[in-house]
Amino acid sequence: MLHGSLLASDHSPERIGMRRFRWLRWALLALWLGAASVSQATPSEQENKVITALIERVGRMKTMKFMRNGDEHSSTEAAEHMQAKYAYFKEKIVTAEDFIERCATRSELTGRPYTVKLADGQEHEANAFLRRELRAVRQEMR
């Protein structure tokens, strides 16, 4: 009979409430820790080197023009702009792909996509162009 009364007490409203409270407390703690780790996201040392190398590579492309909000910018200006946006958004960036998406794809003010005009006059979306350049940077860093 003692065994039966123990089982009954395991299902008492107080016990069920305590279990739910413990579960909720752990769930909230896990959620808070997850949010804290995301809010502090920054690129690893290696990814930071890759991003820096990509920005420097853009800065050396003297025949390229970077089109931003309808205005033409030199490769040096483009690299400076990317560096400034990287510094601003760094805590939200983990990978070089994040950097391209967040800092080098479109205007934060207008939402218009950036484009790149090459020496031959062809214009390409900056996102696709920079992803190709990123592959080259990663290959060179191996």
N, C-alpha and C. Protein backbone atom coordinates (compact mmCIF):
# COMPACT_ATOMS: atom_id res chain seq x y z
N MET A 1 0.81 -1.19 0.00
CA MET A 1 0.00 0.00 0.00
C MET A 1 0.86 1.26 0.00
N LEU A 2 1.97 1.19 0.71
CA LEU A 2 2.89 2.32 0.73
C LEU A 2 3.37 2.65 -0.68
N HIS A 3 3.64 1.61 -1.41
CA HIS A 3 4.11 1.79 -2.80
C HIS A 3 3.05 2.53 -3.62
N GLY A 4 1.80 2.18 -3.48
CA GLY A 4 0.70 2.83 -4.19
C GLY A 4 0.55 4.29 -3.80
N SER A 5 0.75 4.60 -2.54
CA SER A 5 0.60 5.98 -2.11
C SER A 5 1.74 6.85 -2.63
N LEU A 6 2.93 6.28 -2.80
CA LEU A 6 4.05 7.03 -3.39
C LEU A 6 3.75 7.38 -4.84
N LEU A 7 3.19 6.42 -5.55
CA LEU A 7 2.86 6.68 -6.95
C LEU A 7 1.80 7.76 -7.05
N ALA A 8 0.84 7.72 -6.18
CA ALA A 8 -0.22 8.72 -6.21
C ALA A 8 0.36 10.10 -5.94
N SER A 9 1.32 10.20 -5.00
CA SER A 9 1.88 11.50 -4.68
C SER A 9 2.75 12.04 -5.82
N ASP A 10 3.32 11.16 -6.68
CA ASP A 10 4.10 11.62 -7.84
C ASP A 10 3.23 12.37 -8.83
N HIS A 11 1.93 12.11 -8.82
CA HIS A 11 1.03 12.75 -9.76
C HIS A 11 0.20 13.84 -9.12
N SER A 12 0.59 14.25 -7.94
CA SER A 12 -0.16 15.31 -7.26
C SER A 12 0.04 16.62 -8.03
N PRO A 13 -0.92 17.51 -7.92
CA PRO A 13 -0.79 18.79 -8.63
C PRO A 13 0.46 19.57 -8.25
N GLU A 14 0.88 19.46 -6.99
CA GLU A 14 2.08 20.16 -6.56
C GLU A 14 3.32 19.62 -7.27
N ARG A 15 3.43 18.30 -7.36
CA ARG A 15 4.58 17.66 -8.01
C ARG A 15 4.62 17.99 -9.49
N ILE A 16 3.47 17.92 -10.14
CA ILE A 16 3.40 18.22 -11.57
C ILE A 16 3.79 19.67 -11.81
N GLY A 17 3.29 20.56 -10.97
CA GLY A 17 3.63 21.98 -11.08
C GLY A 17 5.12 22.23 -10.90
N MET A 18 5.74 21.55 -9.94
CA MET A 18 7.18 21.70 -9.70
C MET A 18 7.99 21.21 -10.90
N ARG A 19 7.57 20.06 -11.48
CA ARG A 19 8.28 19.53 -12.65
C ARG A 19 8.18 20.50 -13.82
N ARG A 20 7.00 21.05 -14.02
CA ARG A 20 6.82 22.03 -15.11
C ARG A 20 7.66 23.27 -14.86
N PHE A 21 7.69 23.72 -13.61
CA PHE A 21 8.48 24.89 -13.26
C PHE A 21 9.96 24.64 -13.53
N ARG A 22 10.48 23.47 -13.11
CA ARG A 22 11.88 23.13 -13.36
C ARG A 22 12.17 23.08 -14.85
N TRP A 23 11.27 22.45 -15.60
CA TRP A 23 11.46 22.34 -17.04
C TRP A 23 11.48 23.73 -17.69
N LEU A 24 10.56 24.60 -17.29
CA LEU A 24 10.48 25.94 -17.82
C LEU A 24 11.73 26.74 -17.47
N ARG A 25 12.20 26.58 -16.25
CA ARG A 25 13.41 27.28 -15.81
C ARG A 25 14.61 26.87 -16.67
N TRP A 26 14.77 25.56 -16.91
CA TRP A 26 15.87 25.08 -17.75
C TRP A 26 15.72 25.53 -19.21
N ALA A 27 14.50 25.52 -19.71
CA ALA A 27 14.26 25.96 -21.08
C ALA A 27 14.61 27.44 -21.24
N LEU A 28 14.21 28.26 -20.28
CA LEU A 28 14.53 29.68 -20.33
C LEU A 28 16.03 29.93 -20.22
N LEU A 29 16.69 29.17 -19.37
CA LEU A 29 18.14 29.30 -19.24
C LEU A 29 18.83 28.94 -20.56
N ALA A 30 18.41 27.85 -21.18
CA ALA A 30 19.00 27.44 -22.46
C ALA A 30 18.75 28.49 -23.53
N LEU A 31 17.56 29.04 -23.56
CA LEU A 31 17.22 30.08 -24.53
C LEU A 31 18.07 31.32 -24.31
N TRP A 32 18.22 31.73 -23.07
CA TRP A 32 19.03 32.90 -22.74
C TRP A 32 20.49 32.69 -23.13
N LEU A 33 21.04 31.51 -22.81
CA LEU A 33 22.43 31.23 -23.16
C LEU A 33 22.62 31.20 -24.67
N GLY A 34 21.65 30.65 -25.39
CA GLY A 34 21.72 30.62 -26.85
C GLY A 34 21.68 32.02 -27.43
N ALA A 35 20.81 32.86 -26.91
CA ALA A 35 20.72 34.23 -27.39
C ALA A 35 21.99 35.01 -27.07
N ALA A 36 22.56 34.77 -25.92
CA ALA A 36 23.80 35.46 -25.55
C ALA A 36 24.93 35.08 -26.48
N SER A 37 25.01 33.81 -26.85
CA SER A 37 26.09 33.39 -27.73
C SER A 37 25.91 33.94 -29.14
N VAL A 38 24.68 34.07 -29.62
CA VAL A 38 24.43 34.62 -30.94
C VAL A 38 24.74 36.12 -30.96
N SER A 39 24.35 36.83 -29.91
CA SER A 39 24.57 38.27 -29.89
C SER A 39 26.06 38.62 -29.83
N GLN A 40 26.88 37.71 -29.42
CA GLN A 40 28.30 37.95 -29.33
C GLN A 40 29.07 37.31 -30.49
N ALA A 41 28.37 36.96 -31.55
CA ALA A 41 29.01 36.30 -32.69
C ALA A 41 30.01 37.24 -33.34
N THR A 42 31.18 36.75 -33.56
CA THR A 42 32.21 37.46 -34.31
C THR A 42 32.99 36.44 -35.11
N PRO A 43 33.64 36.88 -36.18
CA PRO A 43 34.40 35.91 -36.98
C PRO A 43 35.59 35.36 -36.19
N SER A 44 35.92 34.12 -36.50
CA SER A 44 37.13 33.54 -35.92
C SER A 44 38.34 34.30 -36.46
N GLU A 45 39.48 34.06 -35.88
CA GLU A 45 40.70 34.72 -36.34
C GLU A 45 40.95 34.40 -37.81
N GLN A 46 40.74 33.15 -38.20
CA GLN A 46 40.95 32.74 -39.59
C GLN A 46 39.95 33.43 -40.53
N GLU A 47 38.67 33.47 -40.14
CA GLU A 47 37.67 34.14 -40.99
C GLU A 47 37.95 35.63 -41.09
N ASN A 48 38.41 36.23 -40.00
CA ASN A 48 38.78 37.64 -40.03
C ASN A 48 39.89 37.88 -41.04
N LYS A 49 40.87 36.98 -41.10
CA LYS A 49 41.96 37.10 -42.08
C LYS A 49 41.42 36.98 -43.50
N VAL A 50 40.48 36.07 -43.71
CA VAL A 50 39.89 35.89 -45.04
C VAL A 50 39.13 37.15 -45.45
N ILE A 51 38.33 37.69 -44.55
CA ILE A 51 37.56 38.91 -44.83
C ILE A 51 38.49 40.07 -45.13
N THR A 52 39.53 40.23 -44.33
CA THR A 52 40.50 41.29 -44.55
C THR A 52 41.19 41.13 -45.90
N ALA A 53 41.55 39.90 -46.24
CA ALA A 53 42.19 39.63 -47.54
C ALA A 53 41.24 39.95 -48.69
N LEU A 54 39.96 39.65 -48.54
CA LEU A 54 38.98 39.96 -49.58
C LEU A 54 38.86 41.47 -49.76
N ILE A 55 38.78 42.20 -48.67
CA ILE A 55 38.69 43.67 -48.76
C ILE A 55 39.93 44.24 -49.43
N GLU A 56 41.10 43.73 -49.04
CA GLU A 56 42.35 44.20 -49.66
C GLU A 56 42.39 43.86 -51.15
N ARG A 57 41.91 42.69 -51.50
CA ARG A 57 41.86 42.28 -52.91
C ARG A 57 41.00 43.25 -53.72
N VAL A 58 39.84 43.62 -53.17
CA VAL A 58 38.98 44.59 -53.85
C VAL A 58 39.72 45.91 -54.02
N GLY A 59 40.39 46.35 -52.99
CA GLY A 59 41.12 47.61 -53.04
C GLY A 59 42.21 47.65 -54.11
N ARG A 60 42.74 46.50 -54.47
CA ARG A 60 43.80 46.42 -55.49
C ARG A 60 43.27 46.33 -56.92
N MET A 61 41.97 46.19 -57.10
CA MET A 61 41.38 46.04 -58.44
C MET A 61 41.17 47.41 -59.07
N LYS A 62 42.22 48.02 -59.53
CA LYS A 62 42.20 49.42 -59.97
C LYS A 62 41.33 49.67 -61.20
N THR A 63 41.03 48.66 -62.00
CA THR A 63 40.21 48.87 -63.19
C THR A 63 38.72 48.62 -62.91
N MET A 64 38.40 48.22 -61.71
CA MET A 64 37.03 47.93 -61.34
C MET A 64 36.36 49.18 -60.77
N LYS A 65 35.08 49.34 -61.04
CA LYS A 65 34.27 50.40 -60.44
C LYS A 65 33.17 49.74 -59.63
N PHE A 66 32.95 50.26 -58.47
CA PHE A 66 31.94 49.73 -57.56
C PHE A 66 30.75 50.67 -57.63
N MET A 67 29.59 50.14 -58.03
CA MET A 67 28.39 50.96 -58.19
C MET A 67 27.52 50.85 -56.94
N ARG A 68 27.32 51.98 -56.29
CA ARG A 68 26.55 52.00 -55.06
C ARG A 68 25.52 53.12 -55.14
N ASN A 69 24.24 52.76 -55.11
CA ASN A 69 23.14 53.73 -55.19
C ASN A 69 23.25 54.63 -56.42
N GLY A 70 23.67 54.04 -57.54
CA GLY A 70 23.76 54.78 -58.79
C GLY A 70 25.04 55.57 -58.96
N ASP A 71 25.90 55.60 -57.95
CA ASP A 71 27.15 56.34 -58.04
C ASP A 71 28.32 55.38 -58.24
N GLU A 72 29.29 55.83 -59.01
CA GLU A 72 30.47 55.03 -59.30
C GLU A 72 31.57 55.35 -58.29
N HIS A 73 32.20 54.28 -57.76
CA HIS A 73 33.27 54.45 -56.77
C HIS A 73 34.48 53.64 -57.20
N SER A 74 35.65 54.13 -56.87
CA SER A 74 36.89 53.41 -57.18
C SER A 74 37.00 52.17 -56.30
N SER A 75 37.93 51.32 -56.66
CA SER A 75 38.15 50.12 -55.85
C SER A 75 38.63 50.49 -54.45
N THR A 76 39.42 51.54 -54.34
CA THR A 76 39.90 51.99 -53.03
C THR A 76 38.72 52.46 -52.18
N GLU A 77 37.83 53.24 -52.77
CA GLU A 77 36.65 53.72 -52.05
C GLU A 77 35.75 52.55 -51.66
N ALA A 78 35.62 51.59 -52.56
CA ALA A 78 34.80 50.41 -52.27
C ALA A 78 35.36 49.65 -51.08
N ALA A 79 36.69 49.45 -51.08
CA ALA A 79 37.33 48.74 -49.97
C ALA A 79 37.16 49.50 -48.66
N GLU A 80 37.29 50.81 -48.70
CA GLU A 80 37.11 51.62 -47.49
C GLU A 80 35.67 51.51 -46.98
N HIS A 81 34.72 51.53 -47.90
CA HIS A 81 33.31 51.41 -47.52
C HIS A 81 33.04 50.04 -46.90
N MET A 82 33.57 48.98 -47.50
CA MET A 82 33.40 47.63 -46.96
C MET A 82 34.03 47.52 -45.59
N GLN A 83 35.20 48.11 -45.42
CA GLN A 83 35.89 48.05 -44.13
C GLN A 83 35.08 48.76 -43.06
N ALA A 84 34.50 49.90 -43.40
CA ALA A 84 33.69 50.65 -42.43
C ALA A 84 32.44 49.86 -42.04
N LYS A 85 31.77 49.24 -43.04
CA LYS A 85 30.59 48.44 -42.72
C LYS A 85 30.97 47.19 -41.93
N TYR A 86 32.12 46.61 -42.22
CA TYR A 86 32.59 45.45 -41.47
C TYR A 86 32.80 45.83 -40.01
N ALA A 87 33.45 46.96 -39.77
CA ALA A 87 33.68 47.41 -38.40
C ALA A 87 32.35 47.61 -37.67
N TYR A 88 31.38 48.15 -38.37
CA TYR A 88 30.07 48.42 -37.76
C TYR A 88 29.30 47.14 -37.45
N PHE A 89 29.32 46.17 -38.38
CA PHE A 89 28.51 44.95 -38.25
C PHE A 89 29.29 43.74 -37.74
N LYS A 90 30.52 43.92 -37.34
CA LYS A 90 31.40 42.78 -37.01
C LYS A 90 30.79 41.82 -36.00
N GLU A 91 30.07 42.31 -35.01
CA GLU A 91 29.49 41.42 -34.00
C GLU A 91 28.35 40.56 -34.53
N LYS A 92 27.88 40.86 -35.74
CA LYS A 92 26.80 40.08 -36.35
C LYS A 92 27.32 39.17 -37.46
N ILE A 93 28.64 39.13 -37.63
CA ILE A 93 29.25 38.39 -38.73
C ILE A 93 30.07 37.24 -38.16
N VAL A 94 29.90 36.05 -38.74
CA VAL A 94 30.68 34.89 -38.33
C VAL A 94 31.58 34.41 -39.46
N THR A 95 31.07 34.45 -40.69
CA THR A 95 31.83 33.95 -41.84
C THR A 95 32.04 35.04 -42.88
N ALA A 96 32.94 34.76 -43.81
CA ALA A 96 33.17 35.69 -44.92
C ALA A 96 31.91 35.82 -45.77
N GLU A 97 31.15 34.75 -45.87
CA GLU A 97 29.88 34.81 -46.60
C GLU A 97 28.90 35.75 -45.90
N ASP A 98 28.88 35.72 -44.57
CA ASP A 98 28.06 36.67 -43.81
C ASP A 98 28.50 38.10 -44.11
N PHE A 99 29.81 38.31 -44.17
CA PHE A 99 30.35 39.63 -44.47
C PHE A 99 29.85 40.12 -45.82
N ILE A 100 29.94 39.27 -46.84
CA ILE A 100 29.48 39.66 -48.17
C ILE A 100 28.00 40.02 -48.13
N GLU A 101 27.22 39.17 -47.51
CA GLU A 101 25.76 39.40 -47.45
C GLU A 101 25.42 40.67 -46.68
N ARG A 102 26.09 40.90 -45.56
CA ARG A 102 25.75 42.01 -44.67
C ARG A 102 26.38 43.33 -45.09
N CYS A 103 27.60 43.27 -45.65
CA CYS A 103 28.37 44.50 -45.86
C CYS A 103 28.62 44.87 -47.31
N ALA A 104 28.44 43.96 -48.24
CA ALA A 104 28.89 44.23 -49.60
C ALA A 104 27.88 43.84 -50.68
N THR A 105 26.63 43.69 -50.32
CA THR A 105 25.63 43.24 -51.28
C THR A 105 24.64 44.33 -51.66
N ARG A 106 24.22 45.13 -50.68
CA ARG A 106 23.20 46.14 -50.95
C ARG A 106 23.34 47.30 -49.95
N SER A 107 22.73 48.38 -50.32
CA SER A 107 22.73 49.57 -49.47
C SER A 107 21.82 49.37 -48.27
N GLU A 108 22.29 49.70 -47.12
CA GLU A 108 21.46 49.65 -45.92
C GLU A 108 20.38 50.73 -45.96
N LEU A 109 20.67 51.83 -46.64
CA LEU A 109 19.73 52.95 -46.68
C LEU A 109 18.61 52.73 -47.69
N THR A 110 18.98 52.31 -48.91
CA THR A 110 17.98 52.21 -49.97
C THR A 110 17.56 50.77 -50.27
N GLY A 111 18.39 49.81 -49.88
CA GLY A 111 18.11 48.41 -50.20
C GLY A 111 18.52 48.03 -51.61
N ARG A 112 19.02 49.01 -52.37
CA ARG A 112 19.43 48.72 -53.76
C ARG A 112 20.70 47.86 -53.76
N PRO A 113 20.74 46.86 -54.65
CA PRO A 113 21.93 46.01 -54.71
C PRO A 113 23.13 46.77 -55.26
N TYR A 114 24.30 46.42 -54.75
CA TYR A 114 25.55 46.96 -55.29
C TYR A 114 25.90 46.16 -56.53
N THR A 115 26.55 46.83 -57.46
CA THR A 115 27.07 46.14 -58.64
C THR A 115 28.54 46.50 -58.81
N VAL A 116 29.20 45.72 -59.66
CA VAL A 116 30.61 45.93 -59.96
C VAL A 116 30.73 46.07 -61.46
N LYS A 117 31.39 47.12 -61.90
CA LYS A 117 31.64 47.32 -63.33
C LYS A 117 33.11 47.02 -63.60
N LEU A 118 33.36 46.03 -64.44
CA LEU A 118 34.73 45.62 -64.76
C LEU A 118 35.28 46.45 -65.90
N ALA A 119 36.58 46.30 -66.16
CA ALA A 119 37.27 47.08 -67.19
C ALA A 119 36.62 46.91 -68.56
N ASP A 120 36.06 45.73 -68.84
CA ASP A 120 35.43 45.49 -70.15
C ASP A 120 34.03 46.08 -70.24
N GLY A 121 33.59 46.77 -69.18
CA GLY A 121 32.28 47.42 -69.18
C GLY A 121 31.15 46.55 -68.67
N GLN A 122 31.40 45.27 -68.48
CA GLN A 122 30.35 44.39 -67.98
C GLN A 122 30.06 44.69 -66.51
N GLU A 123 28.77 44.67 -66.20
CA GLU A 123 28.36 44.92 -64.82
C GLU A 123 27.83 43.63 -64.22
N HIS A 124 28.25 43.35 -62.98
CA HIS A 124 27.86 42.13 -62.27
C HIS A 124 27.31 42.51 -60.91
N GLU A 125 26.40 41.69 -60.38
CA GLU A 125 25.96 41.91 -59.01
C GLU A 125 27.15 41.72 -58.09
N ALA A 126 27.30 42.60 -57.13
CA ALA A 126 28.44 42.54 -56.22
C ALA A 126 28.47 41.23 -55.44
N ASN A 127 27.31 40.73 -55.04
CA ASN A 127 27.25 39.50 -54.26
C ASN A 127 27.92 38.35 -55.00
N ALA A 128 27.50 38.10 -56.24
CA ALA A 128 28.07 37.00 -57.02
C ALA A 128 29.54 37.23 -57.32
N PHE A 129 29.89 38.47 -57.66
CA PHE A 129 31.28 38.81 -57.95
C PHE A 129 32.17 38.56 -56.74
N LEU A 130 31.74 39.02 -55.57
CA LEU A 130 32.55 38.87 -54.36
C LEU A 130 32.64 37.42 -53.89
N ARG A 131 31.61 36.64 -54.13
CA ARG A 131 31.68 35.21 -53.79
C ARG A 131 32.72 34.50 -54.66
N ARG A 132 32.80 34.89 -55.93
CA ARG A 132 33.87 34.33 -56.80
C ARG A 132 35.24 34.75 -56.29
N GLU A 133 35.36 36.01 -55.93
CA GLU A 133 36.64 36.51 -55.40
C GLU A 133 36.97 35.84 -54.08
N LEU A 134 35.98 35.57 -53.27
CA LEU A 134 36.19 34.87 -52.00
C LEU A 134 36.75 33.48 -52.23
N ARG A 135 36.23 32.78 -53.23
CA ARG A 135 36.78 31.45 -53.54
C ARG A 135 38.25 31.56 -53.91
N ALA A 136 38.61 32.58 -54.67
CA ALA A 136 40.01 32.79 -55.05
C ALA A 136 40.87 33.10 -53.82
N VAL A 137 40.35 33.92 -52.92
CA VAL A 137 41.09 34.25 -51.69
C VAL A 137 41.32 32.99 -50.86
N ARG A 138 40.28 32.21 -50.69
CA ARG A 138 40.42 30.96 -49.90
C ARG A 138 41.44 30.02 -50.55
N GLN A 139 41.42 29.94 -51.87
CA GLN A 139 42.37 29.10 -52.59
C GLN A 139 43.81 29.59 -52.35
N GLU A 140 44.01 30.89 -52.42
CA GLU A 140 45.35 31.46 -52.20
C GLU A 140 45.84 31.26 -50.77
N MET A 141 44.93 31.18 -49.83
CA MET A 141 45.32 31.07 -48.42
C MET A 141 45.62 29.63 -48.00
N ARG A 142 45.39 28.69 -48.88
CA ARG A 142 45.66 27.28 -48.53
C ARG A 142 47.13 27.00 -48.49
